[in-house]
Amino acid sequence: MKRREFVRKASLGVAGSAAVASTALAGCGSSTSDGGAATVLTRPRVSWQLVSSFPRSLDTIFGAAEVLSKRVSELTDARFTIRVFPAGELVPYNQVLETVQKGTVAIGHSASYYYIGLNPALAFDCTVPFGLTVRQYNAWMYHGNGLDLTREMFSDFNIINFPGGNTGTQMGGWFRREVNSLADLNGIKMRIPGLGGQVMDAMGVNVQVLAAGEIYTALERGALDATEWSGPYDDERLGFYKVAKNYYFPGWWEPAPGLSFYINQDQWNKLPSEYQAALAAAAAEANIDMLAEYDFKNPAALNRLLSNGVQLRPFAQDIMLEAERISLDLMSSAAAGDAAYRKVFEDYTGWQTDSNQWMRVAEHTYASFAFRDK
């Protein structure tokens, strides 16, 4: 089955499951007579644990897993339940994939660029510098080859993946002092993960990777000069504005960071088909819901930050151009040396080229006019 059809199939499956569920629940604990044979209809009770890469305090990004859990329970009359654990409670934030791979837990929620050390092409499951926007990413995943290609990668880890939320284009982060040119980046200590971190490293930044809960203290104590996380709503909750007032944009390294639900393949295979359909539909809902919630919460959060003395600053043009050049060089070099990486890279960038042509016609033209200062 083409992956692009999975949302439609999942929705139909859940609708069909409702009919099956009604019959099953009607038969639970009772018997029906058919030629003297007694038949008991029931569905299994399944309880899973989900480990997240995100703290509970970041309610929107962590909340995507809760949306999934709630919807699965509702669609299965609470016979399939998923308990959600925040980062650090069962496993560290950057060990979610391996934990699901081993089957220690059945499902995880994470950002795949945390694991590019295991497979560099996993970055495309999340985001790459100067990559797809959220609309382009969802189109590639649901209707292009994205889900097929990423599932091919995840099969090496005994995992089946589902899109699990997106923040949209992120901010460029918090800097204790102004960064007015490429030269100003040299030597600064910045928390930034993934391929974006590799690009910053090539531009002279001392790159560090920390969990969300560790960033503020490091920034406050001067162990970090800069950090990125997400956008106004999450960044405000983490308190970065209290110790760094320069808020840069755009987050060119994360134009549309897509999160993923990782499901252990063996555990997935054990699920009844109606539970699989419920889980797929719930993941699709969580994917859409997270972006909508961030789009609703970020404007008010940005206004609050500005009222607290935060200064919005665009990255200098020389930084943007050099970052774009290095990003393309890094990905092209990886593609040249790895056929599996090249397969994903060429499909991803090919779709981006085609999509950009259309997006320039209507979307960009309208946005440039509508979003202008008035």
Protein backbone atom coordinates (compact mmCIF):
# COMPACT_ATOMS: atom_id res chain seq x y z
CA MET A 1 0.00 0.00 0.00
CA LYS A 2 1.35 3.43 -0.83
CA ARG A 3 2.23 5.33 2.34
CA ARG A 4 0.46 8.37 0.99
CA GLU A 5 -2.80 6.55 1.51
CA PHE A 6 -2.21 5.66 5.13
CA VAL A 7 -4.19 8.52 6.68
CA ARG A 8 -7.23 7.78 4.52
CA LYS A 9 -6.91 4.05 5.15
CA ALA A 10 -6.46 4.65 8.86
CA SER A 11 -9.57 6.80 9.05
CA LEU A 12 -11.59 4.18 7.22
CA GLY A 13 -10.11 1.54 9.47
CA VAL A 14 -11.16 3.40 12.60
CA ALA A 15 -14.67 3.85 11.24
CA GLY A 16 -14.81 0.14 10.57
CA SER A 17 -13.35 -0.53 13.98
CA ALA A 18 -16.27 1.23 15.61
CA ALA A 19 -18.63 -1.29 14.12
CA VAL A 20 -16.39 -4.17 15.17
CA ALA A 21 -16.03 -2.66 18.63
CA SER A 22 -19.81 -2.43 19.11
CA THR A 23 -20.19 -6.08 18.20
CA ALA A 24 -17.26 -7.09 20.35
CA LEU A 25 -18.38 -5.19 23.41
CA ALA A 26 -21.91 -6.51 23.04
CA GLY A 27 -20.48 -10.01 23.13
CA CYS A 28 -18.08 -9.56 26.03
CA GLY A 29 -19.00 -11.88 28.86
CA SER A 30 -21.94 -13.33 26.98
CA SER A 31 -22.50 -16.04 24.44
CA THR A 32 -24.58 -16.34 21.30
CA SER A 33 -26.14 -19.52 20.05
CA ASP A 34 -25.42 -20.67 16.52
CA GLY A 35 -26.09 -24.35 15.92
CA GLY A 36 -25.39 -25.02 19.59
CA ALA A 37 -21.89 -23.45 19.47
CA ALA A 38 -21.09 -20.66 21.95
CA THR A 39 -18.99 -17.76 20.66
CA VAL A 40 -17.40 -15.15 22.88
CA LEU A 41 -16.42 -11.94 21.15
CA THR A 42 -13.79 -9.79 22.85
CA ARG A 43 -10.83 -7.59 22.11
CA PRO A 44 -7.52 -7.73 23.98
CA ARG A 45 -6.44 -5.21 26.54
CA VAL A 46 -3.10 -3.66 25.55
CA SER A 47 -1.05 -1.35 27.78
CA TRP A 48 2.01 0.41 26.38
CA GLN A 49 4.56 2.85 27.74
CA LEU A 50 5.68 5.84 25.66
CA VAL A 51 8.97 7.62 26.35
CA SER A 52 9.32 11.22 25.19
CA SER A 53 12.40 13.30 24.46
CA PHE A 54 10.68 16.34 25.95
CA PRO A 55 9.92 17.55 29.48
CA ARG A 56 6.36 17.80 30.74
CA SER A 57 6.83 21.54 31.34
CA LEU A 58 6.93 22.12 27.56
CA ASP A 59 3.26 21.30 27.33
CA THR A 60 2.77 21.69 23.58
CA ILE A 61 5.63 19.57 22.30
CA PHE A 62 5.25 17.02 25.11
CA GLY A 63 1.50 17.27 24.68
CA ALA A 64 1.55 15.67 21.23
CA ALA A 65 2.19 12.31 22.90
CA GLU A 66 -0.70 12.96 25.27
CA VAL A 67 -2.98 13.75 22.32
CA LEU A 68 -2.00 10.42 20.79
CA SER A 69 -2.58 8.54 24.04
CA LYS A 70 -5.97 10.10 24.66
CA ARG A 71 -7.26 9.49 21.14
CA VAL A 72 -6.09 5.87 21.03
CA SER A 73 -7.92 5.21 24.29
CA GLU A 74 -11.09 6.87 23.01
CA LEU A 75 -11.04 4.99 19.71
CA THR A 76 -10.64 1.62 21.43
CA ASP A 77 -12.99 2.14 24.39
CA ALA A 78 -9.96 2.25 26.70
CA ARG A 79 -8.87 -1.27 25.81
CA PHE A 80 -5.63 0.05 24.28
CA THR A 81 -3.91 2.48 26.64
CA ILE A 82 -0.58 4.29 26.36
CA ARG A 83 1.10 5.87 29.41
CA VAL A 84 3.36 8.78 28.55
CA PHE A 85 6.66 9.44 30.34
CA PRO A 86 8.64 12.71 29.97
CA ALA A 87 12.33 12.91 29.17
CA GLY A 88 14.57 11.60 31.91
CA GLU A 89 11.90 9.76 33.85
CA LEU A 90 12.59 6.38 32.27
CA VAL A 91 15.33 7.19 29.75
CA PRO A 92 17.39 10.27 28.74
CA TYR A 93 15.98 12.46 25.98
CA ASN A 94 18.52 11.24 23.41
CA GLN A 95 18.04 7.51 24.02
CA VAL A 96 14.42 7.18 22.95
CA LEU A 97 15.15 5.54 19.60
CA GLU A 98 17.46 2.89 21.04
CA THR A 99 15.00 2.16 23.85
CA VAL A 100 12.18 1.51 21.40
CA GLN A 101 14.51 -0.46 19.13
CA LYS A 102 15.32 -2.85 21.98
CA GLY A 103 11.66 -3.25 22.85
CA THR A 104 12.17 -1.95 26.38
CA VAL A 105 9.16 0.25 25.66
CA ALA A 106 6.78 -0.11 22.73
CA ILE A 107 6.66 3.51 21.55
CA GLY A 108 8.64 6.74 21.71
CA HIS A 109 8.27 10.38 20.68
CA SER A 110 11.38 12.21 19.55
CA ALA A 111 13.22 14.27 16.95
CA SER A 112 15.17 12.10 14.53
CA TYR A 113 18.04 14.53 14.10
CA TYR A 114 19.09 13.56 17.64
CA TYR A 115 20.22 10.24 16.13
CA ILE A 116 22.20 11.23 13.05
CA GLY A 117 25.20 9.56 14.65
CA LEU A 118 23.40 6.25 14.02
CA ASN A 119 22.40 7.17 10.46
CA PRO A 120 23.03 10.66 9.01
CA ALA A 121 19.98 10.37 6.72
CA LEU A 122 17.68 10.30 9.77
CA ALA A 123 17.92 14.10 9.63
CA PHE A 124 15.46 14.09 6.72
CA ASP A 125 12.81 12.53 8.95
CA CYS A 126 13.02 15.71 11.04
CA THR A 127 14.54 18.69 9.23
CA VAL A 128 17.70 19.89 7.52
CA PRO A 129 19.09 23.42 7.16
CA PHE A 130 17.29 25.40 4.45
CA GLY A 131 14.99 22.43 3.91
CA LEU A 132 11.26 21.97 3.48
CA THR A 133 8.65 24.14 5.16
CA VAL A 134 6.01 22.39 7.24
CA ARG A 135 3.51 22.27 4.39
CA GLN A 136 6.13 20.90 2.02
CA TYR A 137 7.27 18.39 4.64
CA ASN A 138 3.76 17.03 5.27
CA ALA A 139 3.12 16.81 1.54
CA TRP A 140 6.37 14.86 1.05
CA MET A 141 5.58 12.56 3.95
CA TYR A 142 1.92 11.85 3.31
CA HIS A 143 1.69 12.05 -0.49
CA GLY A 144 5.27 11.87 -1.73
CA ASN A 145 7.95 9.31 -1.00
CA GLY A 146 8.88 10.61 2.44
CA LEU A 147 7.18 7.99 4.56
CA ASP A 148 8.33 5.11 2.37
CA LEU A 149 11.94 6.32 2.44
CA THR A 150 12.07 7.04 6.17
CA ARG A 151 10.41 3.73 7.01
CA GLU A 152 13.04 2.00 4.96
CA MET A 153 15.67 3.63 7.19
CA PHE A 154 13.84 2.84 10.41
CA SER A 155 13.42 -0.80 9.46
CA ASP A 156 17.12 -1.17 10.32
CA PHE A 157 16.16 -0.29 13.89
CA ASN A 158 13.13 -2.59 14.02
CA ILE A 159 10.92 0.51 14.13
CA ILE A 160 7.93 1.79 12.18
CA ASN A 161 7.62 5.58 12.27
CA PHE A 162 4.71 8.02 12.03
CA PRO A 163 4.87 11.84 11.75
CA GLY A 164 4.27 13.17 15.24
CA GLY A 165 4.07 16.95 15.25
CA ASN A 166 5.85 20.04 13.97
CA THR A 167 6.70 23.46 15.35
CA GLY A 168 6.86 25.21 11.99
CA THR A 169 9.85 27.44 11.21
CA GLN A 170 11.73 28.10 14.40
CA MET A 171 13.55 31.14 15.69
CA GLY A 172 17.30 31.53 15.37
CA GLY A 173 17.95 31.54 19.08
CA TRP A 174 19.12 33.66 21.99
CA PHE A 175 22.48 35.42 22.08
CA ARG A 176 24.00 37.19 25.07
CA ARG A 177 25.67 39.67 22.71
CA GLU A 178 24.89 40.86 19.20
CA VAL A 179 26.06 38.84 16.22
CA ASN A 180 26.28 41.30 13.35
CA SER A 181 28.44 39.35 10.93
CA LEU A 182 29.93 35.96 10.22
CA ALA A 183 33.08 36.94 12.08
CA ASP A 184 31.09 37.50 15.28
CA LEU A 185 30.17 33.81 15.44
CA ASN A 186 33.76 32.70 15.82
CA GLY A 187 34.36 31.09 19.20
CA ILE A 188 30.95 31.57 20.76
CA LYS A 189 29.55 28.64 22.76
CA MET A 190 26.11 27.66 21.48
CA ARG A 191 23.69 24.85 22.18
CA ILE A 192 22.46 23.57 18.82
CA PRO A 193 21.93 19.92 17.75
CA GLY A 194 21.73 18.07 14.48
CA LEU A 195 23.04 19.09 11.09
CA GLY A 196 22.56 22.73 12.05
CA GLY A 197 25.15 22.19 14.74
CA GLN A 198 27.58 20.83 12.16
CA VAL A 199 27.06 23.93 10.02
CA MET A 200 27.61 26.22 12.99
CA ASP A 201 30.75 24.29 13.85
CA ALA A 202 32.06 24.91 10.33
CA MET A 203 31.43 28.62 10.86
CA GLY A 204 33.58 28.68 13.98
CA VAL A 205 30.96 28.13 16.69
CA ASN A 206 31.82 25.99 19.72
CA VAL A 207 28.79 23.68 19.46
CA GLN A 208 27.27 21.98 22.48
CA VAL A 209 24.23 19.73 22.88
CA LEU A 210 22.18 19.86 26.07
CA ALA A 211 18.73 18.66 27.12
CA ALA A 212 16.04 21.33 27.45
CA GLY A 213 16.15 21.35 31.24
CA GLU A 214 19.91 22.02 31.32
CA ILE A 215 20.06 24.97 28.94
CA TYR A 216 18.95 27.87 31.15
CA THR A 217 21.51 27.19 33.89
CA ALA A 218 24.32 26.87 31.35
CA LEU A 219 23.28 30.14 29.70
CA GLU A 220 22.94 31.92 33.05
CA ARG A 221 26.35 30.79 34.26
CA GLY A 222 28.11 31.69 31.02
CA ALA A 223 28.83 28.10 30.01
CA LEU A 224 26.80 29.04 26.92
CA ASP A 225 26.87 32.30 25.00
CA ALA A 226 23.84 31.37 22.91
CA THR A 227 21.17 28.75 22.53
CA GLU A 228 18.32 27.80 20.29
CA TRP A 229 15.26 25.81 21.18
CA SER A 230 12.02 26.43 19.34
CA GLY A 231 9.87 29.56 19.17
CA PRO A 232 8.43 32.25 21.43
CA TYR A 233 6.04 30.09 23.46
CA ASP A 234 8.52 27.39 24.48
CA ASP A 235 11.45 29.80 24.74
CA GLU A 236 9.48 32.02 27.12
CA ARG A 237 8.67 29.04 29.33
CA LEU A 238 12.33 28.09 29.45
CA GLY A 239 13.19 31.64 30.56
CA PHE A 240 16.02 32.39 28.14
CA TYR A 241 14.97 36.04 27.82
CA LYS A 242 16.03 36.64 31.42
CA VAL A 243 19.72 36.18 30.60
CA ALA A 244 19.95 36.83 26.84
CA LYS A 245 18.06 39.67 25.21
CA ASN A 246 19.05 39.26 21.54
CA TYR A 247 16.51 37.03 19.80
CA TYR A 248 17.60 36.15 16.27
CA PHE A 249 15.60 34.93 13.29
CA PRO A 250 15.02 32.86 11.24
CA GLY A 251 16.01 29.40 12.45
CA TRP A 252 17.45 28.44 9.07
CA TRP A 253 18.59 25.08 10.44
CA GLU A 254 15.02 24.14 11.44
CA PRO A 255 12.55 25.38 8.83
CA ALA A 256 10.07 22.62 9.72
CA PRO A 257 11.29 20.21 12.39
CA GLY A 258 9.01 17.21 12.21
CA LEU A 259 8.83 14.98 15.27
CA SER A 260 8.13 11.27 15.02
CA PHE A 261 6.45 8.49 16.91
CA TYR A 262 8.70 5.43 16.92
CA ILE A 263 6.92 2.10 17.36
CA ASN A 264 8.73 -1.16 17.96
CA GLN A 265 7.98 -3.26 14.87
CA ASP A 266 7.41 -6.48 16.84
CA GLN A 267 4.92 -4.75 19.13
CA TRP A 268 3.19 -3.14 16.15
CA ASN A 269 2.82 -6.52 14.47
CA LYS A 270 1.13 -7.94 17.56
CA LEU A 271 -1.62 -5.30 17.52
CA PRO A 272 -5.05 -6.14 16.08
CA SER A 273 -5.62 -4.31 12.81
CA GLU A 274 -8.22 -2.02 14.38
CA TYR A 275 -5.70 -0.96 17.05
CA GLN A 276 -3.14 -0.27 14.34
CA ALA A 277 -5.71 1.88 12.55
CA ALA A 278 -6.52 3.75 15.76
CA LEU A 279 -2.84 4.41 16.41
CA ALA A 280 -2.20 5.66 12.87
CA ALA A 281 -5.19 8.01 13.01
CA ALA A 282 -4.20 9.30 16.45
CA ALA A 283 -0.66 10.01 15.24
CA ALA A 284 -1.99 11.99 12.28
CA GLU A 285 -4.19 14.03 14.62
CA ALA A 286 -1.27 14.73 16.97
CA ASN A 287 0.85 15.80 13.99
CA ILE A 288 -1.67 18.41 12.89
CA ASP A 289 -2.65 19.51 16.40
CA MET A 290 0.85 20.44 17.55
CA LEU A 291 1.43 22.90 14.70
CA ALA A 292 -1.98 24.50 15.18
CA GLU A 293 -1.36 24.93 18.90
CA TYR A 294 2.05 26.54 18.35
CA ASP A 295 0.62 28.84 15.69
CA PHE A 296 -2.00 29.94 18.20
CA LYS A 297 0.34 30.39 21.18
CA ASN A 298 3.43 31.95 19.57
CA PRO A 299 2.02 35.40 18.67
CA ALA A 300 1.00 36.28 22.23
CA ALA A 301 4.25 34.86 23.60
CA LEU A 302 6.30 36.99 21.20
CA ASN A 303 4.46 40.13 22.35
CA ARG A 304 5.18 39.26 25.98
CA LEU A 305 8.86 38.75 25.20
CA LEU A 306 9.09 42.11 23.46
CA SER A 307 7.45 43.78 26.45
CA ASN A 308 10.25 42.31 28.59
CA GLY A 309 12.94 44.09 26.60
CA VAL A 310 13.79 41.38 24.10
CA GLN A 311 15.34 42.68 20.87
CA LEU A 312 14.40 40.94 17.61
CA ARG A 313 17.34 40.77 15.22
CA PRO A 314 17.67 39.16 11.78
CA PHE A 315 20.75 37.12 10.97
CA ALA A 316 23.18 39.05 8.78
CA GLN A 317 23.16 38.22 5.08
CA ASP A 318 26.72 36.90 5.13
CA ILE A 319 25.76 34.44 7.86
CA MET A 320 22.74 33.23 5.91
CA LEU A 321 24.67 32.81 2.65
CA GLU A 322 27.60 31.01 4.26
CA ALA A 323 25.30 28.74 6.25
CA GLU A 324 23.41 27.82 3.09
CA ARG A 325 26.64 27.07 1.22
CA ILE A 326 28.03 24.89 4.01
CA SER A 327 24.71 23.06 4.45
CA LEU A 328 24.57 22.10 0.80
CA ASP A 329 28.24 21.07 0.81
CA LEU A 330 27.76 18.82 3.85
CA MET A 331 24.67 17.10 2.44
CA SER A 332 26.15 16.75 -1.05
CA SER A 333 29.31 15.22 0.38
CA ALA A 334 27.29 12.76 2.45
CA ALA A 335 25.24 11.85 -0.62
CA ALA A 336 28.36 11.27 -2.72
CA GLY A 337 29.73 8.78 -0.23
CA ASP A 338 26.59 6.88 0.75
CA ALA A 339 24.07 5.47 -1.72
CA ALA A 340 21.37 5.10 0.93
CA TYR A 341 21.76 8.74 1.99
CA ARG A 342 21.83 9.84 -1.64
CA LYS A 343 18.52 8.09 -2.32
CA VAL A 344 16.74 10.13 0.36
CA PHE A 345 18.63 13.36 -0.35
CA GLU A 346 17.82 13.35 -4.06
CA ASP A 347 14.14 12.64 -3.50
CA TYR A 348 13.90 15.29 -0.77
CA THR A 349 15.67 18.02 -2.74
CA GLY A 350 13.92 17.08 -5.97
CA TRP A 351 10.55 17.55 -4.29
CA GLN A 352 11.74 20.79 -2.72
CA THR A 353 12.68 22.20 -6.13
CA ASP A 354 9.31 21.31 -7.63
CA SER A 355 7.39 22.56 -4.61
CA ASN A 356 9.32 25.83 -4.36
CA GLN A 357 8.33 26.70 -7.90
CA TRP A 358 4.66 26.46 -6.96
CA MET A 359 5.04 28.07 -3.53
CA ARG A 360 6.68 31.14 -5.10
CA VAL A 361 3.67 31.70 -7.36
CA ALA A 362 0.91 32.08 -4.81
CA GLU A 363 2.05 31.40 -1.25
CA HIS A 364 5.19 33.54 -1.16
CA THR A 365 3.64 36.36 -3.16
CA TYR A 366 0.65 36.57 -0.87
CA ALA A 367 2.68 36.21 2.33
CA SER A 368 5.13 38.92 1.28
CA PHE A 369 2.23 41.30 0.82
CA ALA A 370 0.06 40.26 3.75
CA PHE A 371 2.85 40.07 6.34
CA ARG A 372 4.38 43.46 5.52
CA ASP A 373 4.49 46.15 8.20
CA LYS A 374 1.42 48.38 8.04
